[in-house]
Amino acid sequence: MAPGCSSLDPILSALAIPPATTAEGLRAAQKDEFHGNEFSLLVSHALGALAGPQWVQKHREEVRAAARLAYGGLSTARLAQTPGEEYCDITCVDAATGQPLPLRRRWIAVLIGALTPYLALRLEARLVSAARSSESPLAAALAARLGSFGEALRRLQLALFCLGRAPRRLVDVPLGIAHVSEKPECPLCREALQPQALRCLHGMV
């Protein structure tokens, strides 16, 4: 054996930090969605006590967007994992280098994740209003289906993620973000498709 080498070196190499599995990504997203909704509810209650429930109801979408931004920002500001990522032992890295993700890109991801749903709702409301005011039957039919169309796209993206054909978040691709597991992976235990992913797909049918 060469000096400085160990019989464990091949094993340690095989147990290198792997990409996050589909199941880990789904579980982390579910945890973050749950905690994010709870945080949004707490923010709504606090603002309701200060400004009144009618104000909160009138600005509920803005409150949700601000709560999503605060939820992601609290983790990003201290360079930490989100609660969902921490629960599943996964973290974000630079997809090209494998190094910790730069702070600027983390903030961009948080901003896009928080503001995109809000802007999409506002755009949908404007399109529906414009279509309903139109005398075209086609425009009226499109207005009735805009909400279900957006949900169908979300489900399609989730299905492609479960099949390993899309990232968990679409913003990960242009920002060069990858999710990796902080747990060593045994190469003998790999699965082509995680059982949790199959259950996810079954639940969407």
N, C-alpha and C. Protein backbone atom coordinates (compact mmCIF):
# COMPACT_ATOMS: atom_id res chain seq x y z
N MET A 1 0.85 -1.19 0.00
CA MET A 1 0.00 0.00 0.00
C MET A 1 0.88 1.24 0.00
N ALA A 2 0.55 2.25 -0.81
CA ALA A 2 1.37 3.44 -0.91
C ALA A 2 1.33 4.21 0.39
N PRO A 3 2.44 4.92 0.73
CA PRO A 3 2.47 5.70 1.95
C PRO A 3 1.36 6.74 1.95
N GLY A 4 0.75 6.93 3.10
CA GLY A 4 -0.31 7.93 3.23
C GLY A 4 -1.66 7.45 2.76
N CYS A 5 -1.73 6.22 2.20
CA CYS A 5 -3.02 5.70 1.73
C CYS A 5 -3.62 4.81 2.79
N SER A 6 -4.92 4.67 2.77
CA SER A 6 -5.63 3.83 3.72
C SER A 6 -6.55 2.91 2.96
N SER A 7 -6.82 1.73 3.54
CA SER A 7 -7.75 0.81 2.90
C SER A 7 -9.17 1.35 2.91
N LEU A 8 -9.41 2.41 3.71
CA LEU A 8 -10.75 3.00 3.77
C LEU A 8 -10.95 4.07 2.71
N ASP A 9 -9.87 4.48 2.01
CA ASP A 9 -9.99 5.56 1.04
C ASP A 9 -11.06 5.30 -0.02
N PRO A 10 -11.10 4.09 -0.64
CA PRO A 10 -12.15 3.84 -1.64
C PRO A 10 -13.55 3.93 -1.05
N ILE A 11 -13.71 3.49 0.21
CA ILE A 11 -15.02 3.55 0.85
C ILE A 11 -15.43 4.99 1.09
N LEU A 12 -14.48 5.81 1.59
CA LEU A 12 -14.78 7.21 1.84
C LEU A 12 -15.11 7.94 0.54
N SER A 13 -14.43 7.55 -0.53
CA SER A 13 -14.71 8.16 -1.83
C SER A 13 -16.11 7.79 -2.30
N ALA A 14 -16.48 6.51 -2.09
CA ALA A 14 -17.81 6.05 -2.53
C ALA A 14 -18.92 6.70 -1.72
N LEU A 15 -18.59 7.09 -0.46
CA LEU A 15 -19.59 7.69 0.42
C LEU A 15 -19.53 9.21 0.37
N ALA A 16 -19.10 9.78 -0.75
CA ALA A 16 -19.05 11.23 -0.91
C ALA A 16 -20.46 11.81 -0.81
N ILE A 17 -20.52 13.08 -0.46
CA ILE A 17 -21.82 13.71 -0.29
C ILE A 17 -22.60 13.66 -1.61
N PRO A 18 -23.77 13.04 -1.62
CA PRO A 18 -24.54 12.85 -2.87
C PRO A 18 -25.55 13.97 -3.07
N PRO A 19 -26.13 14.04 -4.26
CA PRO A 19 -27.25 14.97 -4.47
C PRO A 19 -28.43 14.57 -3.58
N ALA A 20 -29.24 15.54 -3.23
CA ALA A 20 -30.45 15.24 -2.46
C ALA A 20 -31.39 14.39 -3.30
N THR A 21 -32.00 13.41 -2.67
CA THR A 21 -32.93 12.54 -3.38
C THR A 21 -34.26 13.25 -3.60
N THR A 22 -35.06 12.68 -4.48
CA THR A 22 -36.39 13.23 -4.72
C THR A 22 -37.21 13.26 -3.44
N ALA A 23 -37.13 12.18 -2.66
CA ALA A 23 -37.89 12.11 -1.41
C ALA A 23 -37.46 13.20 -0.45
N GLU A 24 -36.15 13.44 -0.34
CA GLU A 24 -35.66 14.49 0.56
C GLU A 24 -36.13 15.86 0.10
N GLY A 25 -36.08 16.10 -1.22
CA GLY A 25 -36.54 17.38 -1.74
C GLY A 25 -38.01 17.62 -1.50
N LEU A 26 -38.83 16.57 -1.70
CA LEU A 26 -40.26 16.69 -1.46
C LEU A 26 -40.57 16.94 0.00
N ARG A 27 -39.90 16.18 0.87
CA ARG A 27 -40.15 16.33 2.30
C ARG A 27 -39.74 17.71 2.79
N ALA A 28 -38.60 18.20 2.31
CA ALA A 28 -38.14 19.53 2.71
C ALA A 28 -39.13 20.60 2.25
N ALA A 29 -39.64 20.46 1.02
CA ALA A 29 -40.61 21.42 0.49
C ALA A 29 -41.90 21.39 1.30
N GLN A 30 -42.35 20.19 1.68
CA GLN A 30 -43.57 20.06 2.48
C GLN A 30 -43.39 20.71 3.85
N LYS A 31 -42.23 20.47 4.47
CA LYS A 31 -41.96 21.06 5.79
C LYS A 31 -41.93 22.58 5.71
N ASP A 32 -41.23 23.10 4.69
CA ASP A 32 -41.14 24.55 4.55
C ASP A 32 -42.50 25.17 4.24
N GLU A 33 -43.31 24.48 3.45
CA GLU A 33 -44.65 24.99 3.16
C GLU A 33 -45.49 25.04 4.43
N PHE A 34 -45.40 23.99 5.25
CA PHE A 34 -46.16 23.94 6.50
C PHE A 34 -45.73 25.06 7.44
N HIS A 35 -44.41 25.14 7.69
CA HIS A 35 -43.91 26.17 8.61
C HIS A 35 -44.13 27.57 8.05
N GLY A 36 -44.02 27.72 6.72
CA GLY A 36 -44.27 29.02 6.11
C GLY A 36 -45.71 29.46 6.29
N ASN A 37 -46.65 28.54 6.15
CA ASN A 37 -48.07 28.86 6.36
C ASN A 37 -48.34 29.21 7.82
N GLU A 38 -47.70 28.48 8.74
CA GLU A 38 -47.86 28.78 10.16
C GLU A 38 -47.31 30.17 10.47
N PHE A 39 -46.15 30.48 9.90
CA PHE A 39 -45.54 31.79 10.12
C PHE A 39 -46.43 32.89 9.55
N SER A 40 -46.99 32.66 8.37
CA SER A 40 -47.88 33.64 7.75
C SER A 40 -49.12 33.87 8.62
N LEU A 41 -49.62 32.80 9.23
CA LEU A 41 -50.78 32.93 10.11
C LEU A 41 -50.46 33.78 11.34
N LEU A 42 -49.26 33.56 11.90
CA LEU A 42 -48.84 34.35 13.06
C LEU A 42 -48.69 35.82 12.69
N VAL A 43 -48.11 36.08 11.52
CA VAL A 43 -47.97 37.47 11.06
C VAL A 43 -49.34 38.11 10.87
N SER A 44 -50.28 37.36 10.30
CA SER A 44 -51.64 37.88 10.09
C SER A 44 -52.31 38.23 11.41
N HIS A 45 -52.14 37.36 12.41
CA HIS A 45 -52.73 37.62 13.72
C HIS A 45 -52.11 38.87 14.36
N ALA A 46 -50.79 39.00 14.23
CA ALA A 46 -50.11 40.16 14.82
C ALA A 46 -50.55 41.45 14.14
N LEU A 47 -50.63 41.43 12.81
CA LEU A 47 -51.07 42.62 12.09
C LEU A 47 -52.54 42.91 12.35
N GLY A 48 -53.33 41.84 12.53
CA GLY A 48 -54.74 42.03 12.84
C GLY A 48 -54.95 42.73 14.16
N ALA A 49 -54.08 42.43 15.14
CA ALA A 49 -54.18 43.08 16.44
C ALA A 49 -53.79 44.55 16.36
N LEU A 50 -52.90 44.88 15.40
CA LEU A 50 -52.43 46.26 15.28
C LEU A 50 -53.30 47.09 14.34
N ALA A 51 -53.62 46.53 13.19
CA ALA A 51 -54.33 47.30 12.16
C ALA A 51 -55.78 46.90 12.00
N GLY A 52 -56.17 45.81 12.62
CA GLY A 52 -57.55 45.36 12.50
C GLY A 52 -57.71 44.24 11.48
N PRO A 53 -58.63 43.32 11.73
CA PRO A 53 -58.81 42.17 10.83
C PRO A 53 -59.26 42.56 9.43
N GLN A 54 -60.01 43.66 9.30
CA GLN A 54 -60.47 44.07 7.97
C GLN A 54 -59.29 44.47 7.09
N TRP A 55 -58.32 45.16 7.67
CA TRP A 55 -57.13 45.56 6.91
C TRP A 55 -56.36 44.34 6.46
N VAL A 56 -56.21 43.36 7.36
CA VAL A 56 -55.49 42.13 7.02
C VAL A 56 -56.21 41.38 5.91
N GLN A 57 -57.53 41.31 5.99
CA GLN A 57 -58.30 40.62 4.95
C GLN A 57 -58.15 41.32 3.61
N LYS A 58 -58.15 42.64 3.62
CA LYS A 58 -58.03 43.41 2.38
C LYS A 58 -56.66 43.22 1.73
N HIS A 59 -55.63 43.07 2.56
CA HIS A 59 -54.25 42.95 2.06
C HIS A 59 -53.67 41.56 2.32
N ARG A 60 -54.52 40.55 2.31
CA ARG A 60 -54.06 39.22 2.70
C ARG A 60 -52.97 38.69 1.78
N GLU A 61 -53.05 38.96 0.49
CA GLU A 61 -52.02 38.46 -0.43
C GLU A 61 -50.69 39.15 -0.20
N GLU A 62 -50.73 40.46 0.07
CA GLU A 62 -49.50 41.18 0.38
C GLU A 62 -48.88 40.67 1.68
N VAL A 63 -49.74 40.36 2.66
CA VAL A 63 -49.25 39.83 3.94
C VAL A 63 -48.59 38.48 3.73
N ARG A 64 -49.20 37.62 2.92
CA ARG A 64 -48.62 36.31 2.65
C ARG A 64 -47.27 36.44 1.96
N ALA A 65 -47.18 37.35 0.98
CA ALA A 65 -45.91 37.54 0.27
C ALA A 65 -44.83 38.04 1.23
N ALA A 66 -45.19 38.99 2.10
CA ALA A 66 -44.22 39.51 3.06
C ALA A 66 -43.79 38.42 4.04
N ALA A 67 -44.74 37.57 4.45
CA ALA A 67 -44.41 36.48 5.37
C ALA A 67 -43.49 35.46 4.70
N ARG A 68 -43.75 35.14 3.43
CA ARG A 68 -42.86 34.22 2.71
C ARG A 68 -41.46 34.80 2.60
N LEU A 69 -41.39 36.10 2.33
CA LEU A 69 -40.09 36.76 2.21
C LEU A 69 -39.35 36.73 3.55
N ALA A 70 -40.07 37.00 4.63
CA ALA A 70 -39.44 36.98 5.95
C ALA A 70 -39.01 35.57 6.34
N TYR A 71 -39.83 34.57 6.02
CA TYR A 71 -39.50 33.18 6.37
C TYR A 71 -38.21 32.75 5.69
N GLY A 72 -38.10 33.01 4.38
CA GLY A 72 -36.88 32.65 3.68
C GLY A 72 -35.72 33.55 4.05
N GLY A 73 -36.01 34.83 4.31
CA GLY A 73 -34.94 35.76 4.63
C GLY A 73 -34.29 35.50 5.97
N LEU A 74 -35.07 35.01 6.94
CA LEU A 74 -34.50 34.74 8.26
C LEU A 74 -33.43 33.66 8.18
N SER A 75 -33.62 32.66 7.32
CA SER A 75 -32.61 31.62 7.14
C SER A 75 -31.44 32.13 6.31
N THR A 76 -31.76 32.88 5.25
CA THR A 76 -30.72 33.36 4.34
C THR A 76 -29.80 34.36 5.03
N ALA A 77 -30.37 35.23 5.86
CA ALA A 77 -29.57 36.27 6.51
C ALA A 77 -28.49 35.68 7.42
N ARG A 78 -28.77 34.51 7.99
CA ARG A 78 -27.76 33.88 8.85
C ARG A 78 -27.07 32.71 8.16
N LEU A 79 -27.18 32.66 6.82
CA LEU A 79 -26.51 31.64 6.01
C LEU A 79 -26.83 30.23 6.52
N ALA A 80 -28.07 30.00 6.86
CA ALA A 80 -28.48 28.71 7.41
C ALA A 80 -29.46 28.03 6.47
N GLN A 81 -29.70 26.75 6.76
CA GLN A 81 -30.72 26.01 6.01
C GLN A 81 -32.10 26.49 6.43
N THR A 82 -33.07 26.29 5.56
CA THR A 82 -34.45 26.50 5.98
C THR A 82 -34.83 25.36 6.94
N PRO A 83 -35.89 25.53 7.73
CA PRO A 83 -36.29 24.43 8.61
C PRO A 83 -36.53 23.12 7.87
N GLY A 84 -37.11 23.19 6.66
CA GLY A 84 -37.34 21.97 5.89
C GLY A 84 -36.04 21.32 5.46
N GLU A 85 -35.08 22.13 5.00
CA GLU A 85 -33.78 21.59 4.60
C GLU A 85 -33.04 21.00 5.80
N GLU A 86 -33.13 21.67 6.93
CA GLU A 86 -32.46 21.17 8.14
C GLU A 86 -33.08 19.85 8.58
N TYR A 87 -34.40 19.74 8.48
CA TYR A 87 -35.09 18.51 8.88
C TYR A 87 -34.64 17.33 8.04
N CYS A 88 -34.41 17.58 6.75
CA CYS A 88 -34.05 16.50 5.82
C CYS A 88 -32.54 16.39 5.59
N ASP A 89 -31.76 17.21 6.29
CA ASP A 89 -30.29 17.18 6.14
C ASP A 89 -29.86 17.42 4.70
N ILE A 90 -30.46 18.44 4.05
CA ILE A 90 -30.01 18.83 2.72
C ILE A 90 -29.64 20.31 2.76
N THR A 91 -28.86 20.73 1.80
CA THR A 91 -28.45 22.13 1.75
C THR A 91 -28.25 22.56 0.31
N CYS A 92 -28.23 23.86 0.07
CA CYS A 92 -28.04 24.42 -1.28
C CYS A 92 -26.56 24.67 -1.53
N VAL A 93 -26.11 24.33 -2.73
CA VAL A 93 -24.73 24.60 -3.13
C VAL A 93 -24.72 25.14 -4.56
N ASP A 94 -23.57 25.64 -4.97
CA ASP A 94 -23.38 26.05 -6.36
C ASP A 94 -23.34 24.80 -7.22
N ALA A 95 -24.22 24.72 -8.22
CA ALA A 95 -24.31 23.51 -9.04
C ALA A 95 -23.03 23.24 -9.82
N ALA A 96 -22.26 24.28 -10.14
CA ALA A 96 -21.06 24.10 -10.95
C ALA A 96 -19.85 23.70 -10.12
N THR A 97 -19.74 24.24 -8.91
CA THR A 97 -18.54 24.02 -8.10
C THR A 97 -18.76 23.14 -6.88
N GLY A 98 -20.01 23.00 -6.44
CA GLY A 98 -20.29 22.26 -5.22
C GLY A 98 -19.99 23.05 -3.96
N GLN A 99 -19.60 24.31 -4.11
CA GLN A 99 -19.30 25.15 -2.96
C GLN A 99 -20.58 25.77 -2.40
N PRO A 100 -20.52 26.25 -1.15
CA PRO A 100 -21.70 26.90 -0.58
C PRO A 100 -22.21 28.02 -1.48
N LEU A 101 -23.51 28.14 -1.54
CA LEU A 101 -24.13 29.10 -2.44
C LEU A 101 -23.84 30.53 -1.98
N PRO A 102 -23.40 31.42 -2.90
CA PRO A 102 -23.15 32.81 -2.53
C PRO A 102 -24.41 33.47 -1.97
N LEU A 103 -24.21 34.40 -1.06
CA LEU A 103 -25.33 35.04 -0.38
C LEU A 103 -26.26 35.75 -1.36
N ARG A 104 -25.68 36.40 -2.39
CA ARG A 104 -26.52 37.14 -3.33
C ARG A 104 -27.50 36.22 -4.04
N ARG A 105 -27.02 35.05 -4.46
CA ARG A 105 -27.92 34.12 -5.16
C ARG A 105 -28.97 33.54 -4.22
N ARG A 106 -28.61 33.35 -2.97
CA ARG A 106 -29.60 32.88 -1.99
C ARG A 106 -30.73 33.90 -1.85
N TRP A 107 -30.36 35.18 -1.79
CA TRP A 107 -31.37 36.23 -1.65
C TRP A 107 -32.24 36.33 -2.89
N ILE A 108 -31.63 36.19 -4.06
CA ILE A 108 -32.42 36.23 -5.31
C ILE A 108 -33.44 35.10 -5.32
N ALA A 109 -33.01 33.90 -4.90
CA ALA A 109 -33.93 32.76 -4.86
C ALA A 109 -35.07 33.02 -3.88
N VAL A 110 -34.76 33.62 -2.73
CA VAL A 110 -35.79 33.92 -1.74
C VAL A 110 -36.78 34.94 -2.30
N LEU A 111 -36.26 35.99 -2.94
CA LEU A 111 -37.13 37.03 -3.50
C LEU A 111 -38.05 36.46 -4.57
N ILE A 112 -37.49 35.66 -5.47
CA ILE A 112 -38.31 35.08 -6.54
C ILE A 112 -39.36 34.13 -5.95
N GLY A 113 -38.95 33.31 -4.99
CA GLY A 113 -39.89 32.37 -4.37
C GLY A 113 -41.01 33.06 -3.62
N ALA A 114 -40.72 34.23 -3.03
CA ALA A 114 -41.74 34.94 -2.25
C ALA A 114 -42.65 35.77 -3.13
N LEU A 115 -42.10 36.40 -4.17
CA LEU A 115 -42.87 37.35 -4.96
C LEU A 115 -43.58 36.73 -6.16
N THR A 116 -43.05 35.62 -6.69
CA THR A 116 -43.66 35.03 -7.88
C THR A 116 -45.12 34.64 -7.67
N PRO A 117 -45.48 33.93 -6.57
CA PRO A 117 -46.90 33.58 -6.39
C PRO A 117 -47.79 34.83 -6.29
N TYR A 118 -47.29 35.86 -5.62
CA TYR A 118 -48.08 37.09 -5.48
C TYR A 118 -48.29 37.77 -6.83
N LEU A 119 -47.21 37.91 -7.60
CA LEU A 119 -47.32 38.55 -8.91
C LEU A 119 -48.20 37.73 -9.86
N ALA A 120 -48.11 36.39 -9.75
CA ALA A 120 -48.94 35.53 -10.59
C ALA A 120 -50.42 35.72 -10.27
N LEU A 121 -50.75 35.85 -8.98
CA LEU A 121 -52.14 36.08 -8.60
C LEU A 121 -52.65 37.42 -9.12
N ARG A 122 -51.81 38.44 -9.02
CA ARG A 122 -52.21 39.76 -9.50
C ARG A 122 -52.41 39.75 -11.02
N LEU A 123 -51.50 39.08 -11.73
CA LEU A 123 -51.62 38.99 -13.18
C LEU A 123 -52.88 38.22 -13.57
N GLU A 124 -53.14 37.13 -12.84
CA GLU A 124 -54.34 36.33 -13.13
C GLU A 124 -55.60 37.16 -12.91
N ALA A 125 -55.62 37.95 -11.82
CA ALA A 125 -56.80 38.78 -11.53
C ALA A 125 -57.03 39.81 -12.64
N ARG A 126 -55.94 40.40 -13.13
CA ARG A 126 -56.07 41.38 -14.21
C ARG A 126 -56.57 40.73 -15.50
N LEU A 127 -56.03 39.56 -15.80
CA LEU A 127 -56.45 38.87 -17.02
C LEU A 127 -57.91 38.45 -16.95
N VAL A 128 -58.32 37.96 -15.79
CA VAL A 128 -59.72 37.55 -15.61
C VAL A 128 -60.64 38.76 -15.76
N SER A 129 -60.24 39.89 -15.14
CA SER A 129 -61.06 41.09 -15.23
C SER A 129 -61.18 41.58 -16.67
N ALA A 130 -60.05 41.55 -17.39
CA ALA A 130 -60.07 42.00 -18.78
C ALA A 130 -60.90 41.07 -19.65
N ALA A 131 -60.80 39.75 -19.39
CA ALA A 131 -61.54 38.79 -20.19
C ALA A 131 -63.04 38.89 -19.94
N ARG A 132 -63.42 39.12 -18.68
CA ARG A 132 -64.85 39.20 -18.36
C ARG A 132 -65.49 40.45 -18.94
N SER A 133 -64.69 41.51 -19.04
CA SER A 133 -65.23 42.75 -19.62
C SER A 133 -65.31 42.69 -21.14
N SER A 134 -64.67 41.67 -21.71
CA SER A 134 -64.71 41.51 -23.16
C SER A 134 -66.00 40.80 -23.56
N GLU A 135 -66.44 41.08 -24.78
CA GLU A 135 -67.66 40.44 -25.29
C GLU A 135 -67.36 39.14 -26.02
N SER A 136 -66.09 38.76 -26.07
CA SER A 136 -65.70 37.55 -26.79
C SER A 136 -66.00 36.31 -25.95
N PRO A 137 -66.72 35.34 -26.48
CA PRO A 137 -66.98 34.09 -25.75
C PRO A 137 -65.68 33.33 -25.43
N LEU A 138 -64.71 33.42 -26.35
CA LEU A 138 -63.44 32.75 -26.12
C LEU A 138 -62.72 33.34 -24.93
N ALA A 139 -62.72 34.66 -24.82
CA ALA A 139 -62.07 35.33 -23.69
C ALA A 139 -62.75 34.95 -22.38
N ALA A 140 -64.07 34.86 -22.38
CA ALA A 140 -64.80 34.47 -21.17
C ALA A 140 -64.46 33.04 -20.77
N ALA A 141 -64.33 32.15 -21.76
CA ALA A 141 -63.98 30.76 -21.47
C ALA A 141 -62.57 30.66 -20.90
N LEU A 142 -61.64 31.46 -21.44
CA LEU A 142 -60.27 31.46 -20.93
C LEU A 142 -60.22 32.00 -19.51
N ALA A 143 -61.01 33.01 -19.23
CA ALA A 143 -61.04 33.59 -17.88
C ALA A 143 -61.48 32.56 -16.85
N ALA A 144 -62.44 31.71 -17.23
CA ALA A 144 -62.94 30.70 -16.30
C ALA A 144 -61.91 29.61 -16.02
N ARG A 145 -60.92 29.46 -16.92
CA ARG A 145 -59.96 28.37 -16.79
C ARG A 145 -58.57 28.82 -16.36
N LEU A 146 -58.36 30.11 -16.15
CA LEU A 146 -57.03 30.59 -15.83
C LEU A 146 -56.51 29.99 -14.52
N GLY A 147 -57.37 29.96 -13.50
CA GLY A 147 -56.94 29.43 -12.22
C GLY A 147 -56.56 27.96 -12.29
N SER A 148 -57.36 27.16 -12.97
CA SER A 148 -57.07 25.73 -13.09
C SER A 148 -55.85 25.49 -13.97
N PHE A 149 -55.59 26.39 -14.92
CA PHE A 149 -54.41 26.25 -15.79
C PHE A 149 -53.13 26.41 -14.97
N GLY A 150 -53.11 27.40 -14.09
CA GLY A 150 -51.93 27.59 -13.24
C GLY A 150 -51.70 26.41 -12.32
N GLU A 151 -52.77 25.86 -11.77
CA GLU A 151 -52.64 24.69 -10.90
C GLU A 151 -52.16 23.48 -11.68
N ALA A 152 -52.62 23.34 -12.92
CA ALA A 152 -52.17 22.23 -13.76
C ALA A 152 -50.68 22.32 -14.05
N LEU A 153 -50.18 23.52 -14.30
CA LEU A 153 -48.75 23.71 -14.53
C LEU A 153 -47.95 23.34 -13.28
N ARG A 154 -48.46 23.74 -12.12
CA ARG A 154 -47.76 23.41 -10.86
C ARG A 154 -47.69 21.91 -10.66
N ARG A 155 -48.79 21.22 -10.93
CA ARG A 155 -48.82 19.77 -10.77
C ARG A 155 -47.90 19.08 -11.79
N LEU A 156 -47.85 19.62 -13.00
CA LEU A 156 -46.97 19.05 -14.02
C LEU A 156 -45.51 19.19 -13.61
N GLN A 157 -45.15 20.36 -13.09
CA GLN A 157 -43.76 20.56 -12.65
C GLN A 157 -43.42 19.62 -11.51
N LEU A 158 -44.37 19.41 -10.58
CA LEU A 158 -44.14 18.51 -9.46
C LEU A 158 -43.99 17.07 -9.94
N ALA A 159 -44.82 16.68 -10.91
CA ALA A 159 -44.73 15.32 -11.46
C ALA A 159 -43.38 15.10 -12.14
N LEU A 160 -42.92 16.09 -12.91
CA LEU A 160 -41.62 15.97 -13.57
C LEU A 160 -40.49 15.91 -12.55
N PHE A 161 -40.63 16.64 -11.45
CA PHE A 161 -39.63 16.57 -10.39
C PHE A 161 -39.59 15.17 -9.78
N CYS A 162 -40.77 14.60 -9.52
CA CYS A 162 -40.83 13.25 -8.95
C CYS A 162 -40.17 12.23 -9.86
N LEU A 163 -40.22 12.47 -11.16
CA LEU A 163 -39.61 11.55 -12.14
C LEU A 163 -38.16 11.90 -12.42
N GLY A 164 -37.64 12.92 -11.75
CA GLY A 164 -36.26 13.30 -11.96
C GLY A 164 -36.02 14.06 -13.24
N ARG A 165 -37.07 14.68 -13.80
CA ARG A 165 -36.95 15.39 -15.07
C ARG A 165 -37.04 16.91 -14.91
N ALA A 166 -37.13 17.38 -13.68
CA ALA A 166 -37.21 18.82 -13.43
C ALA A 166 -36.69 19.10 -12.03
N PRO A 167 -36.18 20.31 -11.79
CA PRO A 167 -35.73 20.66 -10.45
C PRO A 167 -36.91 20.87 -9.52
N ARG A 168 -36.65 20.84 -8.22
CA ARG A 168 -37.72 21.08 -7.25
C ARG A 168 -38.27 22.50 -7.40
N ARG A 169 -37.39 23.44 -7.67
CA ARG A 169 -37.80 24.82 -7.91
C ARG A 169 -37.26 25.25 -9.27
N LEU A 170 -38.11 25.81 -10.11
CA LEU A 170 -37.68 26.20 -11.45
C LEU A 170 -36.58 27.25 -11.41
N VAL A 171 -36.55 28.05 -10.35
CA VAL A 171 -35.54 29.09 -10.24
C VAL A 171 -34.14 28.52 -10.05
N ASP A 172 -34.05 27.24 -9.64
CA ASP A 172 -32.73 26.64 -9.40
C ASP A 172 -31.88 26.57 -10.66
N VAL A 173 -32.51 26.40 -11.82
CA VAL A 173 -31.75 26.23 -13.07
C VAL A 173 -31.02 27.51 -13.47
N PRO A 174 -31.71 28.64 -13.65
CA PRO A 174 -30.98 29.85 -14.05
C PRO A 174 -30.02 30.36 -12.98
N LEU A 175 -30.30 30.07 -11.71
CA LEU A 175 -29.41 30.53 -10.64
C LEU A 175 -28.29 29.55 -10.35
N GLY A 176 -28.29 28.39 -11.01
CA GLY A 176 -27.22 27.42 -10.78
C GLY A 176 -27.20 26.86 -9.38
N ILE A 177 -28.37 26.51 -8.86
CA ILE A 177 -28.50 25.99 -7.50
C ILE A 177 -28.72 24.49 -7.54
N ALA A 178 -28.01 23.77 -6.69
CA ALA A 178 -28.20 22.33 -6.54
C ALA A 178 -28.42 22.02 -5.06
N HIS A 179 -29.23 21.01 -4.79
CA HIS A 179 -29.46 20.56 -3.42
C HIS A 179 -28.70 19.26 -3.19
N VAL A 180 -27.92 19.22 -2.14
CA VAL A 180 -27.15 18.03 -1.82
C VAL A 180 -27.51 17.55 -0.42
N SER A 181 -27.34 16.26 -0.22
CA SER A 181 -27.60 15.66 1.08
C SER A 181 -26.37 15.81 1.96
N GLU A 182 -26.59 16.07 3.22
CA GLU A 182 -25.49 16.15 4.17
C GLU A 182 -25.23 14.81 4.84
N LYS A 183 -25.95 13.79 4.37
CA LYS A 183 -25.74 12.44 4.88
C LYS A 183 -24.98 11.63 3.83
N PRO A 184 -23.93 10.91 4.21
CA PRO A 184 -23.22 10.07 3.23
C PRO A 184 -24.17 9.04 2.62
N GLU A 185 -23.97 8.76 1.35
CA GLU A 185 -24.83 7.82 0.62
C GLU A 185 -24.10 6.51 0.41
N CYS A 186 -24.76 5.41 0.71
CA CYS A 186 -24.21 4.10 0.41
C CYS A 186 -24.56 3.75 -1.04
N PRO A 187 -23.58 3.49 -1.91
CA PRO A 187 -23.89 3.22 -3.31
C PRO A 187 -24.69 1.94 -3.52
N LEU A 188 -24.71 1.05 -2.52
CA LEU A 188 -25.47 -0.20 -2.64
C LEU A 188 -26.95 0.00 -2.36
N CYS A 189 -27.31 1.20 -1.84
CA CYS A 189 -28.70 1.43 -1.42
C CYS A 189 -29.43 2.38 -2.35
N ARG A 190 -28.86 2.68 -3.50
CA ARG A 190 -29.49 3.63 -4.41
C ARG A 190 -30.71 3.00 -5.08
N GLU A 191 -31.73 3.84 -5.33
CA GLU A 191 -32.94 3.40 -6.01
C GLU A 191 -33.16 4.27 -7.24
N ALA A 192 -33.65 3.65 -8.32
CA ALA A 192 -33.90 4.43 -9.53
C ALA A 192 -35.01 5.44 -9.31
N LEU A 193 -36.02 5.07 -8.55
CA LEU A 193 -37.12 5.99 -8.24
C LEU A 193 -37.56 5.70 -6.82
N GLN A 194 -37.53 6.73 -5.97
CA GLN A 194 -37.85 6.56 -4.57
C GLN A 194 -39.32 6.19 -4.38
N PRO A 195 -39.64 5.32 -3.43
CA PRO A 195 -41.04 4.97 -3.18
C PRO A 195 -41.89 6.19 -2.85
N GLN A 196 -41.29 7.17 -2.13
CA GLN A 196 -42.06 8.37 -1.81
C GLN A 196 -42.47 9.12 -3.07
N ALA A 197 -41.61 9.08 -4.09
CA ALA A 197 -41.95 9.75 -5.35
C ALA A 197 -43.12 9.06 -6.03
N LEU A 198 -43.15 7.73 -5.96
CA LEU A 198 -44.26 6.99 -6.55
C LEU A 198 -45.57 7.32 -5.84
N ARG A 199 -45.51 7.43 -4.50
CA ARG A 199 -46.71 7.78 -3.75
C ARG A 199 -47.18 9.19 -4.09
N CYS A 200 -46.21 10.08 -4.29
CA CYS A 200 -46.54 11.46 -4.67
C CYS A 200 -47.27 11.49 -6.00
N LEU A 201 -46.76 10.75 -6.98
CA LEU A 201 -47.39 10.71 -8.29
C LEU A 201 -48.78 10.09 -8.20
N HIS A 202 -48.91 9.04 -7.38
CA HIS A 202 -50.21 8.39 -7.23
C HIS A 202 -51.22 9.34 -6.62
N GLY A 203 -50.76 10.18 -5.69
CA GLY A 203 -51.67 11.12 -5.05
C GLY A 203 -52.16 12.22 -5.96
N MET A 204 -51.41 12.49 -7.05
CA MET A 204 -51.81 13.55 -7.97
C MET A 204 -52.74 13.05 -9.06
N VAL A 205 -52.88 11.73 -9.20
CA VAL A 205 -53.74 11.18 -10.25
C VAL A 205 -55.21 11.35 -9.87
